[in-house]
């Protein structure tokens, strides 16, 4: 099973105020499908944008062969610099 680390839409669709979860999910699963593990969150509506990523969990998934999306990779690199 191939695993991707990508973003999953969450939040209030009626107000178009979306947050995003950073999740480990099977490559064949739809964006809003069942996740294997929640790794963090991202809220672009806040100024500056708020995000929190559990870097240890992300590293564990990457060691096991998971691929990060480009957006998640950017947020992950920012999170590592803050530590």
PDB file of N, CA and C in Angstrom:
ATOM      1  N   UNK A   1       0.848  -1.178   0.000  1.00  0.00           N
ATOM      2  CA  UNK A   1       0.000   0.000   0.000  1.00  0.00           C
ATOM      3  C   UNK A   1       0.897   1.245   0.000  1.00  0.00           C
ATOM      4  N   UNK A   2       0.705   2.092  -0.979  1.00  0.00           N
ATOM      5  CA  UNK A   2       1.451   3.348  -1.034  1.00  0.00           C
ATOM      6  C   UNK A   2       0.744   4.386  -0.174  1.00  0.00           C
ATOM      7  N   UNK A   3       1.529   5.133   0.581  1.00  0.00           N
ATOM      8  CA  UNK A   3       0.984   6.137   1.491  1.00  0.00           C
ATOM      9  C   UNK A   3       1.464   7.509   1.063  1.00  0.00           C
ATOM     10  N   UNK A   4       0.557   8.465   1.096  1.00  0.00           N
ATOM     11  CA  UNK A   4       0.878   9.872   0.821  1.00  0.00           C
ATOM     12  C   UNK A   4       0.639  10.671   2.099  1.00  0.00           C
ATOM     13  N   UNK A   5       1.430  11.690   2.295  1.00  0.00           N
ATOM     14  CA  UNK A   5       1.189  12.664   3.358  1.00  0.00           C
ATOM     15  C   UNK A   5       0.697  13.905   2.645  1.00  0.00           C
ATOM     16  N   UNK A   6      -0.573  14.218   2.863  1.00  0.00           N
ATOM     17  CA  UNK A   6      -1.175  15.337   2.139  1.00  0.00           C
ATOM     18  C   UNK A   6      -2.186  16.051   3.030  1.00  0.00           C
ATOM     19  N   UNK A   7      -2.867  17.029   2.454  1.00  0.00           N
ATOM     20  CA  UNK A   7      -3.801  17.842   3.208  1.00  0.00           C
ATOM     21  C   UNK A   7      -5.230  17.384   2.957  1.00  0.00           C
ATOM     22  N   UNK A   8      -6.038  17.444   4.031  1.00  0.00           N
ATOM     23  CA  UNK A   8      -7.442  17.058   3.957  1.00  0.00           C
ATOM     24  C   UNK A   8      -8.274  18.256   4.417  1.00  0.00           C
ATOM     25  N   UNK A   9      -9.272  18.603   3.619  1.00  0.00           N
ATOM     26  CA  UNK A   9     -10.097  19.766   3.921  1.00  0.00           C
ATOM     27  C   UNK A   9     -10.957  19.507   5.151  1.00  0.00           C
ATOM     28  N   UNK A  10     -11.024  20.490   6.031  1.00  0.00           N
ATOM     29  CA  UNK A  10     -11.863  20.444   7.223  1.00  0.00           C
ATOM     30  C   UNK A  10     -12.372  21.856   7.457  1.00  0.00           C
ATOM     31  N   UNK A  11     -13.319  22.019   8.343  1.00  0.00           N
ATOM     32  CA  UNK A  11     -13.794  23.360   8.659  1.00  0.00           C
ATOM     33  C   UNK A  11     -15.245  23.560   8.275  1.00  0.00           C
ATOM     34  N   UNK A  12     -15.645  24.797   8.150  1.00  0.00           N
ATOM     35  CA  UNK A  12     -17.044  25.176   7.939  1.00  0.00           C
ATOM     36  C   UNK A  12     -17.282  25.530   6.482  1.00  0.00           C
ATOM     37  N   UNK A  13     -17.889  24.619   5.685  1.00  0.00           N
ATOM     38  CA  UNK A  13     -18.084  24.902   4.272  1.00  0.00           C
ATOM     39  C   UNK A  13     -19.105  26.002   4.001  1.00  0.00           C
ATOM     40  N   UNK A  14     -20.078  26.189   4.889  1.00  0.00           N
ATOM     41  CA  UNK A  14     -21.100  27.205   4.654  1.00  0.00           C
ATOM     42  C   UNK A  14     -20.498  28.608   4.673  1.00  0.00           C
ATOM     43  N   UNK A  15     -19.491  28.812   5.490  1.00  0.00           N
ATOM     44  CA  UNK A  15     -18.861  30.131   5.593  1.00  0.00           C
ATOM     45  C   UNK A  15     -17.586  30.214   4.764  1.00  0.00           C
ATOM     46  N   UNK A  16     -17.252  29.138   4.056  1.00  0.00           N
ATOM     47  CA  UNK A  16     -16.029  29.062   3.256  1.00  0.00           C
ATOM     48  C   UNK A  16     -14.791  29.383   4.098  1.00  0.00           C
ATOM     49  N   UNK A  17     -14.847  28.940   5.341  1.00  0.00           N
ATOM     50  CA  UNK A  17     -13.726  29.119   6.264  1.00  0.00           C
ATOM     51  C   UNK A  17     -13.100  27.752   6.498  1.00  0.00           C
ATOM     52  N   UNK A  18     -12.212  27.353   5.602  1.00  0.00           N
ATOM     53  CA  UNK A  18     -11.644  26.026   5.657  1.00  0.00           C
ATOM     54  C   UNK A  18     -10.338  25.998   6.430  1.00  0.00           C
ATOM     55  N   UNK A  19     -10.172  24.932   7.171  1.00  0.00           N
ATOM     56  CA  UNK A  19      -8.896  24.568   7.766  1.00  0.00           C
ATOM     57  C   UNK A  19      -8.446  23.321   7.028  1.00  0.00           C
ATOM     58  N   UNK A  20      -7.218  22.950   7.222  1.00  0.00           N
ATOM     59  CA  UNK A  20      -6.703  21.750   6.579  1.00  0.00           C
ATOM     60  C   UNK A  20      -6.031  20.887   7.616  1.00  0.00           C
ATOM     61  N   UNK A  21      -6.246  19.581   7.517  1.00  0.00           N
ATOM     62  CA  UNK A  21      -5.519  18.620   8.332  1.00  0.00           C
ATOM     63  C   UNK A  21      -4.388  18.059   7.484  1.00  0.00           C
ATOM     64  N   UNK A  22      -3.274  17.810   8.099  1.00  0.00           N
ATOM     65  CA  UNK A  22      -2.171  17.134   7.430  1.00  0.00           C
ATOM     66  C   UNK A  22      -2.258  15.679   7.867  1.00  0.00           C
ATOM     67  N   UNK A  23      -2.438  14.789   6.898  1.00  0.00           N
ATOM     68  CA  UNK A  23      -2.750  13.394   7.206  1.00  0.00           C
ATOM     69  C   UNK A  23      -1.877  12.429   6.416  1.00  0.00           C
ATOM     70  N   UNK A  24      -1.737  11.233   6.963  1.00  0.00           N
ATOM     71  CA  UNK A  24      -1.174  10.101   6.227  1.00  0.00           C
ATOM     72  C   UNK A  24      -2.371   9.320   5.702  1.00  0.00           C
ATOM     73  N   UNK A  25      -2.396   9.085   4.395  1.00  0.00           N
ATOM     74  CA  UNK A  25      -3.561   8.481   3.771  1.00  0.00           C
ATOM     75  C   UNK A  25      -3.097   7.595   2.616  1.00  0.00           C
ATOM     76  N   UNK A  26      -3.854   6.547   2.340  1.00  0.00           N
ATOM     77  CA  UNK A  26      -3.528   5.670   1.223  1.00  0.00           C
ATOM     78  C   UNK A  26      -3.610   6.458  -0.076  1.00  0.00           C
ATOM     79  N   UNK A  27      -2.708   6.180  -0.995  1.00  0.00           N
ATOM     80  CA  UNK A  27      -2.648   6.918  -2.253  1.00  0.00           C
ATOM     81  C   UNK A  27      -3.944   6.789  -3.055  1.00  0.00           C
ATOM     82  N   UNK A  28      -4.633   5.667  -2.919  1.00  0.00           N
ATOM     83  CA  UNK A  28      -5.860   5.408  -3.695  1.00  0.00           C
ATOM     84  C   UNK A  28      -7.098   6.033  -3.073  1.00  0.00           C
ATOM     85  N   UNK A  29      -6.997   6.545  -1.852  1.00  0.00           N
ATOM     86  CA  UNK A  29      -8.142   7.101  -1.148  1.00  0.00           C
ATOM     87  C   UNK A  29      -8.402   8.541  -1.603  1.00  0.00           C
ATOM     88  N   UNK A  30      -9.676   8.921  -1.644  1.00  0.00           N
ATOM     89  CA  UNK A  30     -10.060  10.285  -2.008  1.00  0.00           C
ATOM     90  C   UNK A  30      -9.537  11.276  -0.965  1.00  0.00           C
ATOM     91  N   UNK A  31      -9.491  12.548  -1.333  1.00  0.00           N
ATOM     92  CA  UNK A  31      -8.948  13.584  -0.453  1.00  0.00           C
ATOM     93  C   UNK A  31      -9.619  13.582   0.917  1.00  0.00           C
ATOM     94  N   UNK A  32     -10.926  13.417   0.963  1.00  0.00           N
ATOM     95  CA  UNK A  32     -11.645  13.453   2.232  1.00  0.00           C
ATOM     96  C   UNK A  32     -11.994  12.057   2.736  1.00  0.00           C
ATOM     97  N   UNK A  33     -11.261  11.050   2.296  1.00  0.00           N
ATOM     98  CA  UNK A  33     -11.516   9.672   2.702  1.00  0.00           C
ATOM     99  C   UNK A  33     -10.931   9.352   4.066  1.00  0.00           C
ATOM    100  N   UNK A  34     -10.967   8.064   4.400  1.00  0.00           N
ATOM    101  CA  UNK A  34     -10.488   7.594   5.695  1.00  0.00           C
ATOM    102  C   UNK A  34      -8.967   7.731   5.773  1.00  0.00           C
ATOM    103  N   UNK A  35      -8.494   8.310   6.880  1.00  0.00           N
ATOM    104  CA  UNK A  35      -7.062   8.562   7.048  1.00  0.00           C
ATOM    105  C   UNK A  35      -6.430   7.485   7.921  1.00  0.00           C
ATOM    106  N   UNK A  36      -5.130   7.305   7.756  1.00  0.00           N
ATOM    107  CA  UNK A  36      -4.382   6.381   8.593  1.00  0.00           C
ATOM    108  C   UNK A  36      -3.958   7.058   9.899  1.00  0.00           C
ATOM    109  N   UNK A  37      -3.554   8.346   9.794  1.00  0.00           N
ATOM    110  CA  UNK A  37      -3.146   9.082  10.989  1.00  0.00           C
ATOM    111  C   UNK A  37      -3.163  10.581  10.693  1.00  0.00           C
ATOM    112  N   UNK A  38      -3.610  11.367  11.671  1.00  0.00           N
ATOM    113  CA  UNK A  38      -3.569  12.825  11.564  1.00  0.00           C
ATOM    114  C   UNK A  38      -2.222  13.285  12.098  1.00  0.00           C
ATOM    115  N   UNK A  39      -1.503  14.071  11.283  1.00  0.00           N
ATOM    116  CA  UNK A  39      -0.147  14.485  11.621  1.00  0.00           C
ATOM    117  C   UNK A  39      -0.028  15.958  11.997  1.00  0.00           C
ATOM    118  N   UNK A  40      -1.066  16.751  11.734  1.00  0.00           N
ATOM    119  CA  UNK A  40      -1.005  18.165  12.058  1.00  0.00           C
ATOM    120  C   UNK A  40      -2.181  18.911  11.468  1.00  0.00           C
ATOM    121  N   UNK A  41      -2.101  20.241  11.492  1.00  0.00           N
ATOM    122  CA  UNK A  41      -3.157  21.069  10.911  1.00  0.00           C
ATOM    123  C   UNK A  41      -2.564  22.350  10.336  1.00  0.00           C
ATOM    124  N   UNK A  42      -3.354  23.010   9.488  1.00  0.00           N
ATOM    125  CA  UNK A  42      -2.946  24.251   8.828  1.00  0.00           C
ATOM    126  C   UNK A  42      -4.180  25.131   8.692  1.00  0.00           C
ATOM    127  N   UNK A  43      -4.088  26.370   9.145  1.00  0.00           N
ATOM    128  CA  UNK A  43      -5.198  27.321   9.057  1.00  0.00           C
ATOM    129  C   UNK A  43      -4.718  28.572   8.325  1.00  0.00           C
ATOM    130  N   UNK A  44      -5.001  28.665   7.006  1.00  0.00           N
ATOM    131  CA  UNK A  44      -4.524  29.809   6.232  1.00  0.00           C
ATOM    132  C   UNK A  44      -5.307  31.094   6.487  1.00  0.00           C
ATOM    133  N   UNK A  45      -6.471  31.009   7.165  1.00  0.00           N
ATOM    134  CA  UNK A  45      -7.296  32.194   7.388  1.00  0.00           C
ATOM    135  C   UNK A  45      -6.680  33.127   8.431  1.00  0.00           C
ATOM    136  N   UNK A  46      -5.901  32.593   9.331  1.00  0.00           N
ATOM    137  CA  UNK A  46      -5.266  33.423  10.355  1.00  0.00           C
ATOM    138  C   UNK A  46      -4.099  34.176   9.743  1.00  0.00           C
ATOM    139  N   UNK A  47      -3.814  35.340  10.274  1.00  0.00           N
ATOM    140  CA  UNK A  47      -2.695  36.157   9.801  1.00  0.00           C
ATOM    141  C   UNK A  47      -1.700  36.320  10.921  1.00  0.00           C
ATOM    142  N   UNK A  48      -0.500  35.803  10.835  1.00  0.00           N
ATOM    143  CA  UNK A  48       0.021  34.915   9.802  1.00  0.00           C
ATOM    144  C   UNK A  48      -0.609  33.530   9.897  1.00  0.00           C
ATOM    145  N   UNK A  49      -0.511  32.790   8.823  1.00  0.00           N
ATOM    146  CA  UNK A  49      -1.122  31.470   8.758  1.00  0.00           C
ATOM    147  C   UNK A  49      -0.594  30.587   9.887  1.00  0.00           C
ATOM    148  N   UNK A  50      -1.511  29.875  10.542  1.00  0.00           N
ATOM    149  CA  UNK A  50      -1.141  29.017  11.664  1.00  0.00           C
ATOM    150  C   UNK A  50      -1.033  27.572  11.198  1.00  0.00           C
ATOM    151  N   UNK A  51       0.009  26.896  11.661  1.00  0.00           N
ATOM    152  CA  UNK A  51       0.148  25.480  11.342  1.00  0.00           C
ATOM    153  C   UNK A  51       0.889  24.792  12.477  1.00  0.00           C
ATOM    154  N   UNK A  52       0.620  23.517  12.626  1.00  0.00           N
ATOM    155  CA  UNK A  52       1.311  22.705  13.620  1.00  0.00           C
ATOM    156  C   UNK A  52       1.479  21.320  13.026  1.00  0.00           C
ATOM    157  N   UNK A  53       2.705  20.821  13.014  1.00  0.00           N
ATOM    158  CA  UNK A  53       3.010  19.522  12.438  1.00  0.00           C
ATOM    159  C   UNK A  53       3.820  18.725  13.450  1.00  0.00           C
ATOM    160  N   UNK A  54       3.422  17.483  13.671  1.00  0.00           N
ATOM    161  CA  UNK A  54       4.190  16.580  14.517  1.00  0.00           C
ATOM    162  C   UNK A  54       5.307  15.989  13.649  1.00  0.00           C
ATOM    163  N   UNK A  55       6.479  16.610  13.700  1.00  0.00           N
ATOM    164  CA  UNK A  55       7.575  16.226  12.810  1.00  0.00           C
ATOM    165  C   UNK A  55       8.052  14.797  13.057  1.00  0.00           C
ATOM    166  N   UNK A  56       7.962  14.313  14.290  1.00  0.00           N
ATOM    167  CA  UNK A  56       8.395  12.946  14.591  1.00  0.00           C
ATOM    168  C   UNK A  56       7.506  11.929  13.867  1.00  0.00           C
ATOM    169  N   UNK A  57       6.201  12.182  13.867  1.00  0.00           N
ATOM    170  CA  UNK A  57       5.279  11.272  13.168  1.00  0.00           C
ATOM    171  C   UNK A  57       5.507  11.319  11.659  1.00  0.00           C
ATOM    172  N   UNK A  58       5.742  12.522  11.131  1.00  0.00           N
ATOM    173  CA  UNK A  58       5.996  12.653   9.691  1.00  0.00           C
ATOM    174  C   UNK A  58       7.258  11.887   9.320  1.00  0.00           C
ATOM    175  N   UNK A  59       8.316  12.041  10.107  1.00  0.00           N
ATOM    176  CA  UNK A  59       9.568  11.337   9.833  1.00  0.00           C
ATOM    177  C   UNK A  59       9.372   9.822   9.883  1.00  0.00           C
ATOM    178  N   UNK A  60       8.540   9.343  10.816  1.00  0.00           N
ATOM    179  CA  UNK A  60       8.261   7.910  10.911  1.00  0.00           C
ATOM    180  C   UNK A  60       7.601   7.408   9.633  1.00  0.00           C
ATOM    181  N   UNK A  61       6.616   8.165   9.124  1.00  0.00           N
ATOM    182  CA  UNK A  61       5.915   7.755   7.902  1.00  0.00           C
ATOM    183  C   UNK A  61       6.848   7.807   6.693  1.00  0.00           C
ATOM    184  N   UNK A  62       7.694   8.826   6.631  1.00  0.00           N
ATOM    185  CA  UNK A  62       8.621   8.949   5.502  1.00  0.00           C
ATOM    186  C   UNK A  62       9.628   7.800   5.518  1.00  0.00           C
ATOM    187  N   UNK A  63      10.102   7.404   6.694  1.00  0.00           N
ATOM    188  CA  UNK A  63      11.016   6.262   6.803  1.00  0.00           C
ATOM    189  C   UNK A  63      10.358   4.984   6.282  1.00  0.00           C
ATOM    190  N   UNK A  64       9.037   4.895   6.447  1.00  0.00           N
ATOM    191  CA  UNK A  64       8.306   3.714   5.990  1.00  0.00           C
ATOM    192  C   UNK A  64       7.865   3.826   4.530  1.00  0.00           C
ATOM    193  N   UNK A  65       8.302   4.866   3.826  1.00  0.00           N
ATOM    194  CA  UNK A  65       8.058   4.970   2.395  1.00  0.00           C
ATOM    195  C   UNK A  65       6.971   5.932   1.959  1.00  0.00           C
ATOM    196  N   UNK A  66       6.408   6.715   2.860  1.00  0.00           N
ATOM    197  CA  UNK A  66       5.358   7.671   2.489  1.00  0.00           C
ATOM    198  C   UNK A  66       5.950   8.830   1.687  1.00  0.00           C
ATOM    199  N   UNK A  67       5.170   9.365   0.773  1.00  0.00           N
ATOM    200  CA  UNK A  67       5.569  10.509  -0.057  1.00  0.00           C
ATOM    201  C   UNK A  67       4.797  11.743   0.396  1.00  0.00           C
ATOM    202  N   UNK A  68       5.481  12.873   0.557  1.00  0.00           N
ATOM    203  CA  UNK A  68       4.823  14.124   0.946  1.00  0.00           C
ATOM    204  C   UNK A  68       4.410  14.902  -0.293  1.00  0.00           C
ATOM    205  N   UNK A  69       3.266  15.585  -0.198  1.00  0.00           N
ATOM    206  CA  UNK A  69       2.888  16.511  -1.264  1.00  0.00           C
ATOM    207  C   UNK A  69       3.799  17.732  -1.157  1.00  0.00           C
ATOM    208  N   UNK A  70       3.846  18.544  -2.193  1.00  0.00           N
ATOM    209  CA  UNK A  70       4.732  19.717  -2.189  1.00  0.00           C
ATOM    210  C   UNK A  70       4.348  20.713  -1.102  1.00  0.00           C
ATOM    211  N   UNK A  71       3.049  20.937  -0.907  1.00  0.00           N
ATOM    212  CA  UNK A  71       2.594  21.883   0.110  1.00  0.00           C
ATOM    213  C   UNK A  71       2.968  21.398   1.502  1.00  0.00           C
ATOM    214  N   UNK A  72       2.755  20.131   1.762  1.00  0.00           N
ATOM    215  CA  UNK A  72       3.105  19.575   3.071  1.00  0.00           C
ATOM    216  C   UNK A  72       4.608  19.634   3.275  1.00  0.00           C
ATOM    217  N   UNK A  73       5.386  19.370   2.243  1.00  0.00           N
ATOM    218  CA  UNK A  73       6.845  19.431   2.362  1.00  0.00           C
ATOM    219  C   UNK A  73       7.289  20.845   2.742  1.00  0.00           C
ATOM    220  N   UNK A  74       6.671  21.853   2.152  1.00  0.00           N
ATOM    221  CA  UNK A  74       7.005  23.244   2.480  1.00  0.00           C
ATOM    222  C   UNK A  74       6.685  23.551   3.939  1.00  0.00           C
ATOM    223  N   UNK A  75       5.497  23.161   4.403  1.00  0.00           N
ATOM    224  CA  UNK A  75       5.117  23.394   5.795  1.00  0.00           C
ATOM    225  C   UNK A  75       6.014  22.601   6.749  1.00  0.00           C
ATOM    226  N   UNK A  76       6.352  21.392   6.376  1.00  0.00           N
ATOM    227  CA  UNK A  76       7.221  20.541   7.193  1.00  0.00           C
ATOM    228  C   UNK A  76       8.601  21.189   7.354  1.00  0.00           C
ATOM    229  N   UNK A  77       9.154  21.704   6.263  1.00  0.00           N
ATOM    230  CA  UNK A  77      10.463  22.362   6.336  1.00  0.00           C
ATOM    231  C   UNK A  77      10.414  23.601   7.213  1.00  0.00           C
ATOM    232  N   UNK A  78       9.325  24.368   7.146  1.00  0.00           N
ATOM    233  CA  UNK A  78       9.172  25.536   8.026  1.00  0.00           C
ATOM    234  C   UNK A  78       9.096  25.105   9.485  1.00  0.00           C
ATOM    235  N   UNK A  79       8.355  24.022   9.754  1.00  0.00           N
ATOM    236  CA  UNK A  79       8.203  23.529  11.118  1.00  0.00           C
ATOM    237  C   UNK A  79       9.528  23.053  11.692  1.00  0.00           C
ATOM    238  N   UNK A  80      10.349  22.415  10.857  1.00  0.00           N
ATOM    239  CA  UNK A  80      11.667  21.935  11.324  1.00  0.00           C
ATOM    240  C   UNK A  80      12.582  23.106  11.638  1.00  0.00           C
ATOM    241  N   UNK A  81      12.494  24.200  10.879  1.00  0.00           N
ATOM    242  CA  UNK A  81      13.340  25.365  11.133  1.00  0.00           C
ATOM    243  C   UNK A  81      12.971  26.047  12.441  1.00  0.00           C
ATOM    244  N   UNK A  82      11.688  25.982  12.836  1.00  0.00           N
ATOM    245  CA  UNK A  82      11.232  26.622  14.055  1.00  0.00           C
ATOM    246  C   UNK A  82      11.690  25.897  15.312  1.00  0.00           C
ATOM    247  N   UNK A  83      12.030  24.624  15.198  1.00  0.00           N
ATOM    248  CA  UNK A  83      12.430  23.859  16.386  1.00  0.00           C
ATOM    249  C   UNK A  83      13.792  24.232  16.863  1.00  0.00           C
TER     250      UNK A  83
END
